[in-house]
PDB file of N, CA and C in Angstrom:
ATOM      1  N   MET A   1      64.788  85.377  60.116  1.00  0.00           N
ATOM      2  CA  MET A   1      64.609  85.932  61.433  1.00  0.00           C
ATOM      3  C   MET A   1      63.466  85.245  62.165  1.00  0.00           C
ATOM      4  N   SER A   2      63.579  83.961  62.309  1.00  0.00           N
ATOM      5  CA  SER A   2      62.536  83.217  62.991  1.00  0.00           C
ATOM      6  C   SER A   2      62.869  82.990  64.460  1.00  0.00           C
ATOM      7  N   ASP A   3      63.839  83.730  64.980  1.00  0.00           N
ATOM      8  CA  ASP A   3      64.209  83.632  66.386  1.00  0.00           C
ATOM      9  C   ASP A   3      63.133  84.331  67.206  1.00  0.00           C
ATOM     10  N   SER A   4      62.382  83.584  67.981  1.00  0.00           N
ATOM     11  CA  SER A   4      61.231  84.159  68.666  1.00  0.00           C
ATOM     12  C   SER A   4      61.393  84.166  70.185  1.00  0.00           C
ATOM     13  N   ARG A   5      62.591  84.425  70.642  1.00  0.00           N
ATOM     14  CA  ARG A   5      62.738  84.471  72.097  1.00  0.00           C
ATOM     15  C   ARG A   5      62.304  85.840  72.611  1.00  0.00           C
ATOM     16  N   LEU A   6      61.725  85.856  73.781  1.00  0.00           N
ATOM     17  CA  LEU A   6      61.188  87.062  74.391  1.00  0.00           C
ATOM     18  C   LEU A   6      62.296  87.818  75.115  1.00  0.00           C
ATOM     19  N   VAL A   7      62.472  89.101  74.801  1.00  0.00           N
ATOM     20  CA  VAL A   7      63.513  89.895  75.441  1.00  0.00           C
ATOM     21  C   VAL A   7      62.934  91.029  76.288  1.00  0.00           C
ATOM     22  N   TYR A   8      61.671  91.392  76.069  1.00  0.00           N
ATOM     23  CA  TYR A   8      61.062  92.471  76.828  1.00  0.00           C
ATOM     24  C   TYR A   8      59.568  92.229  76.950  1.00  0.00           C
ATOM     25  N   SER A   9      59.042  92.525  78.116  1.00  0.00           N
ATOM     26  CA  SER A   9      57.617  92.411  78.349  1.00  0.00           C
ATOM     27  C   SER A   9      57.136  93.698  78.996  1.00  0.00           C
ATOM     28  N   THR A  10      55.974  94.175  78.603  1.00  0.00           N
ATOM     29  CA  THR A  10      55.460  95.412  79.187  1.00  0.00           C
ATOM     30  C   THR A  10      55.068  95.213  80.646  1.00  0.00           C
ATOM     31  N   GLU A  11      54.820  93.986  81.051  1.00  0.00           N
ATOM     32  CA  GLU A  11      54.458  93.717  82.444  1.00  0.00           C
ATOM     33  C   GLU A  11      55.682  93.659  83.356  1.00  0.00           C
ATOM     34  N   THR A  12      56.736  92.970  82.906  1.00  0.00           N
ATOM     35  CA  THR A  12      57.885  92.746  83.782  1.00  0.00           C
ATOM     36  C   THR A  12      59.132  93.505  83.365  1.00  0.00           C
ATOM     37  N   GLY A  13      59.151  94.077  82.177  1.00  0.00           N
ATOM     38  CA  GLY A  13      60.335  94.788  81.708  1.00  0.00           C
ATOM     39  C   GLY A  13      61.285  93.858  80.975  1.00  0.00           C
ATOM     40  N   ARG A  14      62.578  94.171  81.045  1.00  0.00           N
ATOM     41  CA  ARG A  14      63.584  93.379  80.333  1.00  0.00           C
ATOM     42  C   ARG A  14      63.652  91.982  80.922  1.00  0.00           C
ATOM     43  N   ILE A  15      63.721  90.998  80.045  1.00  0.00           N
ATOM     44  CA  ILE A  15      63.823  89.609  80.461  1.00  0.00           C
ATOM     45  C   ILE A  15      65.260  89.162  80.237  1.00  0.00           C
ATOM     46  N   ASP A  16      65.916  88.820  81.319  1.00  0.00           N
ATOM     47  CA  ASP A  16      67.327  88.452  81.276  1.00  0.00           C
ATOM     48  C   ASP A  16      67.430  86.940  81.110  1.00  0.00           C
ATOM     49  N   THR A  17      67.956  86.514  79.972  1.00  0.00           N
ATOM     50  CA  THR A  17      68.094  85.083  79.723  1.00  0.00           C
ATOM     51  C   THR A  17      69.498  84.583  79.983  1.00  0.00           C
ATOM     52  N   LYS A  18      70.374  85.465  80.400  1.00  0.00           N
ATOM     53  CA  LYS A  18      71.746  85.067  80.674  1.00  0.00           C
ATOM     54  C   LYS A  18      71.805  84.272  81.968  1.00  0.00           C
ATOM     55  N   GLU A  19      72.811  83.426  82.047  1.00  0.00           N
ATOM     56  CA  GLU A  19      73.011  82.659  83.262  1.00  0.00           C
ATOM     57  C   GLU A  19      73.550  83.576  84.350  1.00  0.00           C
ATOM     58  N   PRO A  20      73.247  83.273  85.604  1.00  0.00           N
ATOM     59  CA  PRO A  20      73.799  84.103  86.678  1.00  0.00           C
ATOM     60  C   PRO A  20      75.317  84.018  86.706  1.00  0.00           C
ATOM     61  N   LYS A  21      75.953  85.101  87.152  1.00  0.00           N
ATOM     62  CA  LYS A  21      77.408  85.136  87.175  1.00  0.00           C
ATOM     63  C   LYS A  21      77.944  84.146  88.198  1.00  0.00           C
ATOM     64  N   LYS A  22      79.008  83.473  87.815  1.00  0.00           N
ATOM     65  CA  LYS A  22      79.643  82.521  88.715  1.00  0.00           C
ATOM     66  C   LYS A  22      80.628  83.254  89.610  1.00  0.00           C
ATOM     67  N   GLU A  23      80.895  82.657  90.754  1.00  0.00           N
ATOM     68  CA  GLU A  23      81.917  83.200  91.637  1.00  0.00           C
ATOM     69  C   GLU A  23      83.278  83.019  90.972  1.00  0.00           C
ATOM     70  N   VAL A  24      84.099  84.046  91.052  1.00  0.00           N
ATOM     71  CA  VAL A  24      85.415  83.996  90.442  1.00  0.00           C
ATOM     72  C   VAL A  24      86.357  83.259  91.376  1.00  0.00           C
ATOM     73  N   GLU A  25      87.013  82.224  90.853  1.00  0.00           N
ATOM     74  CA  GLU A  25      88.001  81.508  91.637  1.00  0.00           C
ATOM     75  C   GLU A  25      89.374  81.996  91.235  1.00  0.00           C
ATOM     76  N   SER A  26      90.053  82.645  92.162  1.00  0.00           N
ATOM     77  CA  SER A  26      91.384  83.137  91.864  1.00  0.00           C
ATOM     78  C   SER A  26      92.409  82.124  92.352  1.00  0.00           C
ATOM     79  N   LYS A  27      93.556  82.136  91.720  1.00  0.00           N
ATOM     80  CA  LYS A  27      94.630  81.226  92.087  1.00  0.00           C
ATOM     81  C   LYS A  27      95.328  81.770  93.326  1.00  0.00           C
ATOM     82  N   VAL A  28      95.231  81.050  94.438  1.00  0.00           N
ATOM     83  CA  VAL A  28      95.855  81.460  95.688  1.00  0.00           C
ATOM     84  C   VAL A  28      96.997  80.499  95.975  1.00  0.00           C
ATOM     85  N   PHE A  29      98.172  81.040  96.279  1.00  0.00           N
ATOM     86  CA  PHE A  29      99.345  80.220  96.530  1.00  0.00           C
ATOM     87  C   PHE A  29      99.403  79.802  97.995  1.00  0.00           C
ATOM     88  N   LYS A  30      99.951  78.621  98.252  1.00  0.00           N
ATOM     89  CA  LYS A  30     100.009  78.078  99.609  1.00  0.00           C
ATOM     90  C   LYS A  30     100.908  78.885 100.531  1.00  0.00           C
ATOM     91  N   ASP A  31     101.930  79.550  99.972  1.00  0.00           N
ATOM     92  CA  ASP A  31     102.852  80.302 100.820  1.00  0.00           C
ATOM     93  C   ASP A  31     102.291  81.670 101.228  1.00  0.00           C
ATOM     94  N   GLY A  32     101.121  82.053 100.697  1.00  0.00           N
ATOM     95  CA  GLY A  32     100.482  83.299 101.087  1.00  0.00           C
ATOM     96  C   GLY A  32     101.004  84.536 100.374  1.00  0.00           C
ATOM     97  N   PHE A  33     101.917  84.356  99.432  1.00  0.00           N
ATOM     98  CA  PHE A  33     102.469  85.493  98.707  1.00  0.00           C
ATOM     99  C   PHE A  33     101.606  85.832  97.501  1.00  0.00           C
ATOM    100  N   VAL A  34     101.555  87.126  97.190  1.00  0.00           N
ATOM    101  CA  VAL A  34     100.930  87.610  95.968  1.00  0.00           C
ATOM    102  C   VAL A  34     102.046  87.749  94.954  1.00  0.00           C
ATOM    103  N   ARG A  35     101.828  87.314  93.734  1.00  0.00           N
ATOM    104  CA  ARG A  35     102.861  87.359  92.709  1.00  0.00           C
ATOM    105  C   ARG A  35     102.553  88.447  91.682  1.00  0.00           C
ATOM    106  N   ILE A  36     103.595  89.150  91.260  1.00  0.00           N
ATOM    107  CA  ILE A  36     103.475  90.136  90.183  1.00  0.00           C
ATOM    108  C   ILE A  36     104.214  89.565  88.989  1.00  0.00           C
ATOM    109  N   GLU A  37     103.481  89.298  87.922  1.00  0.00           N
ATOM    110  CA  GLU A  37     104.059  88.736  86.706  1.00  0.00           C
ATOM    111  C   GLU A  37     104.003  89.769  85.598  1.00  0.00           C
ATOM    112  N   ARG A  38     104.879  89.607  84.630  1.00  0.00           N
ATOM    113  CA  ARG A  38     104.866  90.482  83.455  1.00  0.00           C
ATOM    114  C   ARG A  38     104.438  89.640  82.263  1.00  0.00           C
ATOM    115  N   GLN A  39     103.559  90.191  81.426  1.00  0.00           N
ATOM    116  CA  GLN A  39     103.066  89.434  80.280  1.00  0.00           C
ATOM    117  C   GLN A  39     102.962  90.338  79.063  1.00  0.00           C
ATOM    118  N   THR A  40     103.436  89.836  77.923  1.00  0.00           N
ATOM    119  CA  THR A  40     103.295  90.568  76.667  1.00  0.00           C
ATOM    120  C   THR A  40     102.569  89.728  75.626  1.00  0.00           C
ATOM    121  N   LYS A  41     102.349  88.478  75.913  1.00  0.00           N
ATOM    122  CA  LYS A  41     101.752  87.552  74.951  1.00  0.00           C
ATOM    123  C   LYS A  41     100.336  88.001  74.552  1.00  0.00           C
ATOM    124  N   GLY A  42     100.119  88.119  73.254  1.00  0.00           N
ATOM    125  CA  GLY A  42      98.801  88.477  72.742  1.00  0.00           C
ATOM    126  C   GLY A  42      98.462  89.951  72.911  1.00  0.00           C
ATOM    127  N   ARG A  43      99.450  90.782  73.164  1.00  0.00           N
ATOM    128  CA  ARG A  43      99.196  92.203  73.406  1.00  0.00           C
ATOM    129  C   ARG A  43     100.002  93.094  72.476  1.00  0.00           C
ATOM    130  N   LYS A  44     100.438  92.545  71.358  1.00  0.00           N
ATOM    131  CA  LYS A  44     101.199  93.278  70.345  1.00  0.00           C
ATOM    132  C   LYS A  44     102.460  93.917  70.930  1.00  0.00           C
ATOM    133  N   GLY A  45     103.123  93.200  71.830  1.00  0.00           N
ATOM    134  CA  GLY A  45     104.367  93.667  72.410  1.00  0.00           C
ATOM    135  C   GLY A  45     104.219  94.592  73.599  1.00  0.00           C
ATOM    136  N   LYS A  46     103.009  95.027  73.887  1.00  0.00           N
ATOM    137  CA  LYS A  46     102.785  95.899  75.040  1.00  0.00           C
ATOM    138  C   LYS A  46     102.785  95.051  76.312  1.00  0.00           C
ATOM    139  N   GLY A  47     103.486  95.518  77.311  1.00  0.00           N
ATOM    140  CA  GLY A  47     103.584  94.760  78.548  1.00  0.00           C
ATOM    141  C   GLY A  47     102.522  95.148  79.557  1.00  0.00           C
ATOM    142  N   VAL A  48     102.052  94.160  80.299  1.00  0.00           N
ATOM    143  CA  VAL A  48     101.154  94.396  81.422  1.00  0.00           C
ATOM    144  C   VAL A  48     101.683  93.624  82.623  1.00  0.00           C
ATOM    145  N   MET A  49     101.346  94.118  83.789  1.00  0.00           N
ATOM    146  CA  MET A  49     101.694  93.434  85.027  1.00  0.00           C
ATOM    147  C   MET A  49     100.453  92.722  85.529  1.00  0.00           C
ATOM    148  N   LEU A  50     100.606  91.457  85.885  1.00  0.00           N
ATOM    149  CA  LEU A  50      99.499  90.665  86.402  1.00  0.00           C
ATOM    150  C   LEU A  50      99.696  90.464  87.892  1.00  0.00           C
ATOM    151  N   VAL A  51      98.701  90.797  88.681  1.00  0.00           N
ATOM    152  CA  VAL A  51      98.736  90.570  90.124  1.00  0.00           C
ATOM    153  C   VAL A  51      97.920  89.310  90.387  1.00  0.00           C
ATOM    154  N   VAL A  52      98.613  88.234  90.775  1.00  0.00           N
ATOM    155  CA  VAL A  52      98.005  86.916  90.919  1.00  0.00           C
ATOM    156  C   VAL A  52      98.151  86.449  92.361  1.00  0.00           C
ATOM    157  N   GLY A  53      97.135  85.770  92.878  1.00  0.00           N
ATOM    158  CA  GLY A  53      97.243  85.136  94.185  1.00  0.00           C
ATOM    159  C   GLY A  53      96.492  85.852  95.283  1.00  0.00           C
ATOM    160  N   ILE A  54      95.631  86.795  94.954  1.00  0.00           N
ATOM    161  CA  ILE A  54      94.822  87.472  95.976  1.00  0.00           C
ATOM    162  C   ILE A  54      93.502  86.716  96.099  1.00  0.00           C
ATOM    163  N   ASP A  55      93.155  86.359  97.322  1.00  0.00           N
ATOM    164  CA  ASP A  55      91.938  85.597  97.573  1.00  0.00           C
ATOM    165  C   ASP A  55      90.709  86.491  97.354  1.00  0.00           C
ATOM    166  N   ALA A  56      89.872  86.099  96.421  1.00  0.00           N
ATOM    167  CA  ALA A  56      88.695  86.901  96.071  1.00  0.00           C
ATOM    168  C   ALA A  56      87.648  86.883  97.176  1.00  0.00           C
ATOM    169  N   GLN A  57      87.696  85.887  98.048  1.00  0.00           N
ATOM    170  CA  GLN A  57      86.711  85.812  99.123  1.00  0.00           C
ATOM    171  C   GLN A  57      87.071  86.734 100.287  1.00  0.00           C
ATOM    172  N   GLN A  58      88.351  87.047 100.449  1.00  0.00           N
ATOM    173  CA  GLN A  58      88.780  87.901 101.545  1.00  0.00           C
ATOM    174  C   GLN A  58      88.896  89.375 101.137  1.00  0.00           C
ATOM    175  N   HIS A  59      89.122  89.640  99.860  1.00  0.00           N
ATOM    176  CA  HIS A  59      89.346  91.002  99.390  1.00  0.00           C
ATOM    177  C   HIS A  59      88.413  91.320  98.230  1.00  0.00           C
ATOM    178  N   ASP A  60      88.003  92.568  98.142  1.00  0.00           N
ATOM    179  CA  ASP A  60      87.194  93.039  97.025  1.00  0.00           C
ATOM    180  C   ASP A  60      88.151  93.376  95.874  1.00  0.00           C
ATOM    181  N   LEU A  61      88.249  92.464  94.905  1.00  0.00           N
ATOM    182  CA  LEU A  61      89.219  92.629  93.824  1.00  0.00           C
ATOM    183  C   LEU A  61      88.921  93.851  92.969  1.00  0.00           C
ATOM    184  N   LYS A  62      87.660  94.156  92.778  1.00  0.00           N
ATOM    185  CA  LYS A  62      87.295  95.309  91.956  1.00  0.00           C
ATOM    186  C   LYS A  62      87.788  96.611  92.604  1.00  0.00           C
ATOM    187  N   LYS A  63      87.580  96.722  93.901  1.00  0.00           N
ATOM    188  CA  LYS A  63      88.013  97.913  94.632  1.00  0.00           C
ATOM    189  C   LYS A  63      89.534  97.988  94.677  1.00  0.00           C
ATOM    190  N   LEU A  64      90.177  96.843  94.880  1.00  0.00           N
ATOM    191  CA  LEU A  64      91.638  96.805  94.924  1.00  0.00           C
ATOM    192  C   LEU A  64      92.236  97.177  93.574  1.00  0.00           C
ATOM    193  N   ALA A  65      91.645  96.684  92.495  1.00  0.00           N
ATOM    194  CA  ALA A  65      92.131  97.016  91.151  1.00  0.00           C
ATOM    195  C   ALA A  65      92.019  98.515  90.902  1.00  0.00           C
ATOM    196  N   LYS A  66      90.922  99.108  91.322  1.00  0.00           N
ATOM    197  CA  LYS A  66      90.735 100.550  91.139  1.00  0.00           C
ATOM    198  C   LYS A  66      91.781 101.331  91.922  1.00  0.00           C
ATOM    199  N   THR A  67      92.057 100.893  93.148  1.00  0.00           N
ATOM    200  CA  THR A  67      93.065 101.557  93.979  1.00  0.00           C
ATOM    201  C   THR A  67      94.445 101.464  93.337  1.00  0.00           C
ATOM    202  N   LEU A  68      94.803 100.269  92.871  1.00  0.00           N
ATOM    203  CA  LEU A  68      96.118 100.076  92.258  1.00  0.00           C
ATOM    204  C   LEU A  68      96.269 100.915  90.992  1.00  0.00           C
ATOM    205  N   LYS A  69      95.233 100.932  90.156  1.00  0.00           N
ATOM    206  CA  LYS A  69      95.306 101.713  88.916  1.00  0.00           C
ATOM    207  C   LYS A  69      95.473 103.198  89.207  1.00  0.00           C
ATOM    208  N   SER A  70      94.766 103.701  90.218  1.00  0.00           N
ATOM    209  CA  SER A  70      94.868 105.128  90.513  1.00  0.00           C
ATOM    210  C   SER A  70      96.219 105.474  91.129  1.00  0.00           C
ATOM    211  N   LYS A  71      96.745 104.614  92.001  1.00  0.00           N
ATOM    212  CA  LYS A  71      98.042 104.892  92.617  1.00  0.00           C
ATOM    213  C   LYS A  71      99.186 104.741  91.621  1.00  0.00           C
ATOM    214  N   MET A  72      99.025 103.850  90.656  1.00  0.00           N
ATOM    215  CA  MET A  72     100.047 103.668  89.625  1.00  0.00           C
ATOM    216  C   MET A  72      99.928 104.741  88.543  1.00  0.00           C
ATOM    217  N   GLY A  73      98.749 105.313  88.399  1.00  0.00           N
ATOM    218  CA  GLY A  73      98.535 106.306  87.350  1.00  0.00           C
ATOM    219  C   GLY A  73      98.470 105.673  85.977  1.00  0.00           C
ATOM    220  N   GLN A  74      97.994 104.435  85.930  1.00  0.00           N
ATOM    221  CA  GLN A  74      97.931 103.688  84.674  1.00  0.00           C
ATOM    222  C   GLN A  74      96.603 102.957  84.582  1.00  0.00           C
ATOM    223  N   GLY A  75      96.295 102.514  83.379  1.00  0.00           N
ATOM    224  CA  GLY A  75      95.064 101.776  83.159  1.00  0.00           C
ATOM    225  C   GLY A  75      95.229 100.324  83.533  1.00  0.00           C
ATOM    226  N   GLY A  76      94.146  99.602  83.443  1.00  0.00           N
ATOM    227  CA  GLY A  76      94.197  98.188  83.752  1.00  0.00           C
ATOM    228  C   GLY A  76      92.808  97.586  83.727  1.00  0.00           C
ATOM    229  N   ALA A  77      92.725  96.340  84.203  1.00  0.00           N
ATOM    230  CA  ALA A  77      91.451  95.632  84.189  1.00  0.00           C
ATOM    231  C   ALA A  77      91.485  94.511  85.218  1.00  0.00           C
ATOM    232  N   LEU A  78      90.315  93.964  85.492  1.00  0.00           N
ATOM    233  CA  LEU A  78      90.182  92.789  86.338  1.00  0.00           C
ATOM    234  C   LEU A  78      89.569  91.698  85.480  1.00  0.00           C
ATOM    235  N   LYS A  79      90.314  90.623  85.247  1.00  0.00           N
ATOM    236  CA  LYS A  79      89.832  89.537  84.399  1.00  0.00           C
ATOM    237  C   LYS A  79      90.078  88.203  85.086  1.00  0.00           C
ATOM    238  N   ASP A  80      89.016  87.468  85.329  1.00  0.00           N
ATOM    239  CA  ASP A  80      89.086  86.118  85.897  1.00  0.00           C
ATOM    240  C   ASP A  80      89.890  86.050  87.195  1.00  0.00           C
ATOM    241  N   GLY A  81      89.700  87.005  88.078  1.00  0.00           N
ATOM    242  CA  GLY A  81      90.379  86.993  89.361  1.00  0.00           C
ATOM    243  C   GLY A  81      91.821  87.446  89.321  1.00  0.00           C
ATOM    244  N   VAL A  82      92.263  87.977  88.177  1.00  0.00           N
ATOM    245  CA  VAL A  82      93.629  88.476  88.025  1.00  0.00           C
ATOM    246  C   VAL A  82      93.554  89.963  87.708  1.00  0.00           C
ATOM    247  N   ILE A  83      94.308  90.758  88.456  1.00  0.00           N
ATOM    248  CA  ILE A  83      94.336  92.200  88.220  1.00  0.00           C
ATOM    249  C   ILE A  83      95.431  92.497  87.208  1.00  0.00           C
ATOM    250  N   GLU A  84      95.073  93.186  86.130  1.00  0.00           N
ATOM    251  CA  GLU A  84      96.027  93.573  85.099  1.00  0.00           C
ATOM    252  C   GLU A  84      96.261  95.077  85.200  1.00  0.00           C
ATOM    253  N   ILE A  85      97.538  95.470  85.259  1.00  0.00           N
ATOM    254  CA  ILE A  85      97.916  96.874  85.284  1.00  0.00           C
ATOM    255  C   ILE A  85      98.831  97.115  84.091  1.00  0.00           C
ATOM    256  N   GLN A  86      98.552  98.139  83.311  1.00  0.00           N
ATOM    257  CA  GLN A  86      99.363  98.419  82.127  1.00  0.00           C
ATOM    258  C   GLN A  86     100.733  98.937  82.523  1.00  0.00           C
ATOM    259  N   GLY A  87     101.708  98.670  81.674  1.00  0.00           N
ATOM    260  CA  GLY A  87     103.062  99.162  81.907  1.00  0.00           C
ATOM    261  C   GLY A  87     103.965  98.098  82.506  1.00  0.00           C
ATOM    262  N   ASP A  88     105.163  98.532  82.927  1.00  0.00           N
ATOM    263  CA  ASP A  88     106.131  97.589  83.485  1.00  0.00           C
ATOM    264  C   ASP A  88     106.940  98.257  84.598  1.00  0.00           C
ATOM    265  N   ASP A  89     106.261  98.662  85.646  1.00  0.00           N
ATOM    266  CA  ASP A  89     106.929  99.230  86.807  1.00  0.00           C
ATOM    267  C   ASP A  89     106.602  98.350  88.005  1.00  0.00           C
ATOM    268  N   ARG A  90     107.159  97.129  87.985  1.00  0.00           N
ATOM    269  CA  ARG A  90     106.817  96.137  88.999  1.00  0.00           C
ATOM    270  C   ARG A  90     107.298  96.524  90.391  1.00  0.00           C
ATOM    271  N   GLU A  91     108.403  97.231  90.480  1.00  0.00           N
ATOM    272  CA  GLU A  91     108.914  97.632  91.796  1.00  0.00           C
ATOM    273  C   GLU A  91     107.954  98.609  92.480  1.00  0.00           C
ATOM    274  N   LYS A  92     107.432  99.556  91.721  1.00  0.00           N
ATOM    275  CA  LYS A  92     106.464 100.515  92.280  1.00  0.00           C
ATOM    276  C   LYS A  92     105.192  99.791  92.704  1.00  0.00           C
ATOM    277  N   LEU A  93     104.726  98.858  91.878  1.00  0.00           N
ATOM    278  CA  LEU A  93     103.532  98.088  92.201  1.00  0.00           C
ATOM    279  C   LEU A  93     103.765  97.243  93.453  1.00  0.00           C
ATOM    280  N   LYS A  94     104.958  96.683  93.579  1.00  0.00           N
ATOM    281  CA  LYS A  94     105.292  95.888  94.759  1.00  0.00           C
ATOM    282  C   LYS A  94     105.231  96.746  96.015  1.00  0.00           C
ATOM    283  N   GLN A  95     105.775  97.952  95.954  1.00  0.00           N
ATOM    284  CA  GLN A  95     105.756  98.847  97.110  1.00  0.00           C
ATOM    285  C   GLN A  95     104.328  99.224  97.500  1.00  0.00           C
ATOM    286  N   ILE A  96     103.491  99.470  96.517  1.00  0.00           N
ATOM    287  CA  ILE A  96     102.100  99.832  96.792  1.00  0.00           C
ATOM    288  C   ILE A  96     101.376  98.661  97.462  1.00  0.00           C
ATOM    289  N   LEU A  97     101.574  97.452  96.948  1.00  0.00           N
ATOM    290  CA  LEU A  97     100.924  96.280  97.543  1.00  0.00           C
ATOM    291  C   LEU A  97     101.442  96.006  98.953  1.00  0.00           C
ATOM    292  N   GLU A  98     102.730  96.255  99.181  1.00  0.00           N
ATOM    293  CA  GLU A  98     103.279  96.047 100.521  1.00  0.00           C
ATOM    294  C   GLU A  98     102.724  97.059 101.518  1.00  0.00           C
ATOM    295  N   THR A  99     102.447  98.290 101.073  1.00  0.00           N
ATOM    296  CA  THR A  99     101.828  99.257 101.973  1.00  0.00           C
ATOM    297  C   THR A  99     100.384  98.884 102.283  1.00  0.00           C
ATOM    298  N   LEU A 100      99.771  98.068 101.402  1.00  0.00           N
ATOM    299  CA  LEU A 100      98.411  97.573 101.638  1.00  0.00           C
ATOM    300  C   LEU A 100      98.426  96.256 102.412  1.00  0.00           C
ATOM    301  N   LYS A 101      99.580  95.904 103.004  1.00  0.00           N
ATOM    302  CA  LYS A 101      99.760  94.740 103.884  1.00  0.00           C
ATOM    303  C   LYS A 101      99.708  93.395 103.166  1.00  0.00           C
ATOM    304  N   PHE A 102     100.178  93.348 101.914  1.00  0.00           N
ATOM    305  CA  PHE A 102     100.305  92.081 101.192  1.00  0.00           C
ATOM    306  C   PHE A 102     101.758  91.644 101.204  1.00  0.00           C
ATOM    307  N   LYS A 103     101.988  90.335 101.234  1.00  0.00           N
ATOM    308  CA  LYS A 103     103.333  89.795 101.035  1.00  0.00           C
ATOM    309  C   LYS A 103     103.485  89.572  99.539  1.00  0.00           C
ATOM    310  N   VAL A 104     104.533  90.164  98.934  1.00  0.00           N
ATOM    311  CA  VAL A 104     104.632  90.212  97.485  1.00  0.00           C
ATOM    312  C   VAL A 104     105.943  89.621  97.006  1.00  0.00           C
ATOM    313  N   LYS A 105     105.866  88.879  95.903  1.00  0.00           N
ATOM    314  CA  LYS A 105     107.045  88.389  95.188  1.00  0.00           C
ATOM    315  C   LYS A 105     106.906  88.805  93.728  1.00  0.00           C
ATOM    316  N   ILE A 106     108.049  89.132  93.109  1.00  0.00           N
ATOM    317  CA  ILE A 106     108.056  89.408  91.677  1.00  0.00           C
ATOM    318  C   ILE A 106     108.404  88.109  90.972  1.00  0.00           C
ATOM    319  N   ALA A 107     107.526  87.664  90.097  1.00  0.00           N
ATOM    320  CA  ALA A 107     107.699  86.385  89.417  1.00  0.00           C
ATOM    321  C   ALA A 107     108.009  86.612  87.946  1.00  0.00           C
ATOM    322  N   GLY A 108     108.742  85.711  87.364  1.00  0.00           N
ATOM    323  CA  GLY A 108     109.034  85.772  85.940  1.00  0.00           C
ATOM    324  C   GLY A 108     110.134  86.767  85.617  1.00  0.00           C
ATOM    325  N   GLY A 109     110.352  86.950  84.301  1.00  0.00           N
ATOM    326  CA  GLY A 109     111.454  87.810  83.863  1.00  0.00           C
ATOM    327  C   GLY A 109     111.021  89.134  83.568  1.00  0.00           C
TER     328      GLY A 109
END
């Protein structure tokens, strides 16, 4: 245990050695459509819907993810500029996004 990095000081408090958070770059499509994809890979067969193509600079993704999760009545997360919603009700998610004034396409199988 010879790791001698300073993590707390009585003068300044907690010392944060982590790098500052980077801006999240989300994949935005040229046609302006938001895509809803279905993914099961790496999730033990459980399906999630991925909302891809929302510009992070124009919209608050965290707030939008919270709104979508509450309106869908399902859990989810925001990871690397992609909103993940649990389950597989893409038509309902499409309707919710369209009421929020997004142009939406369902992508994949």
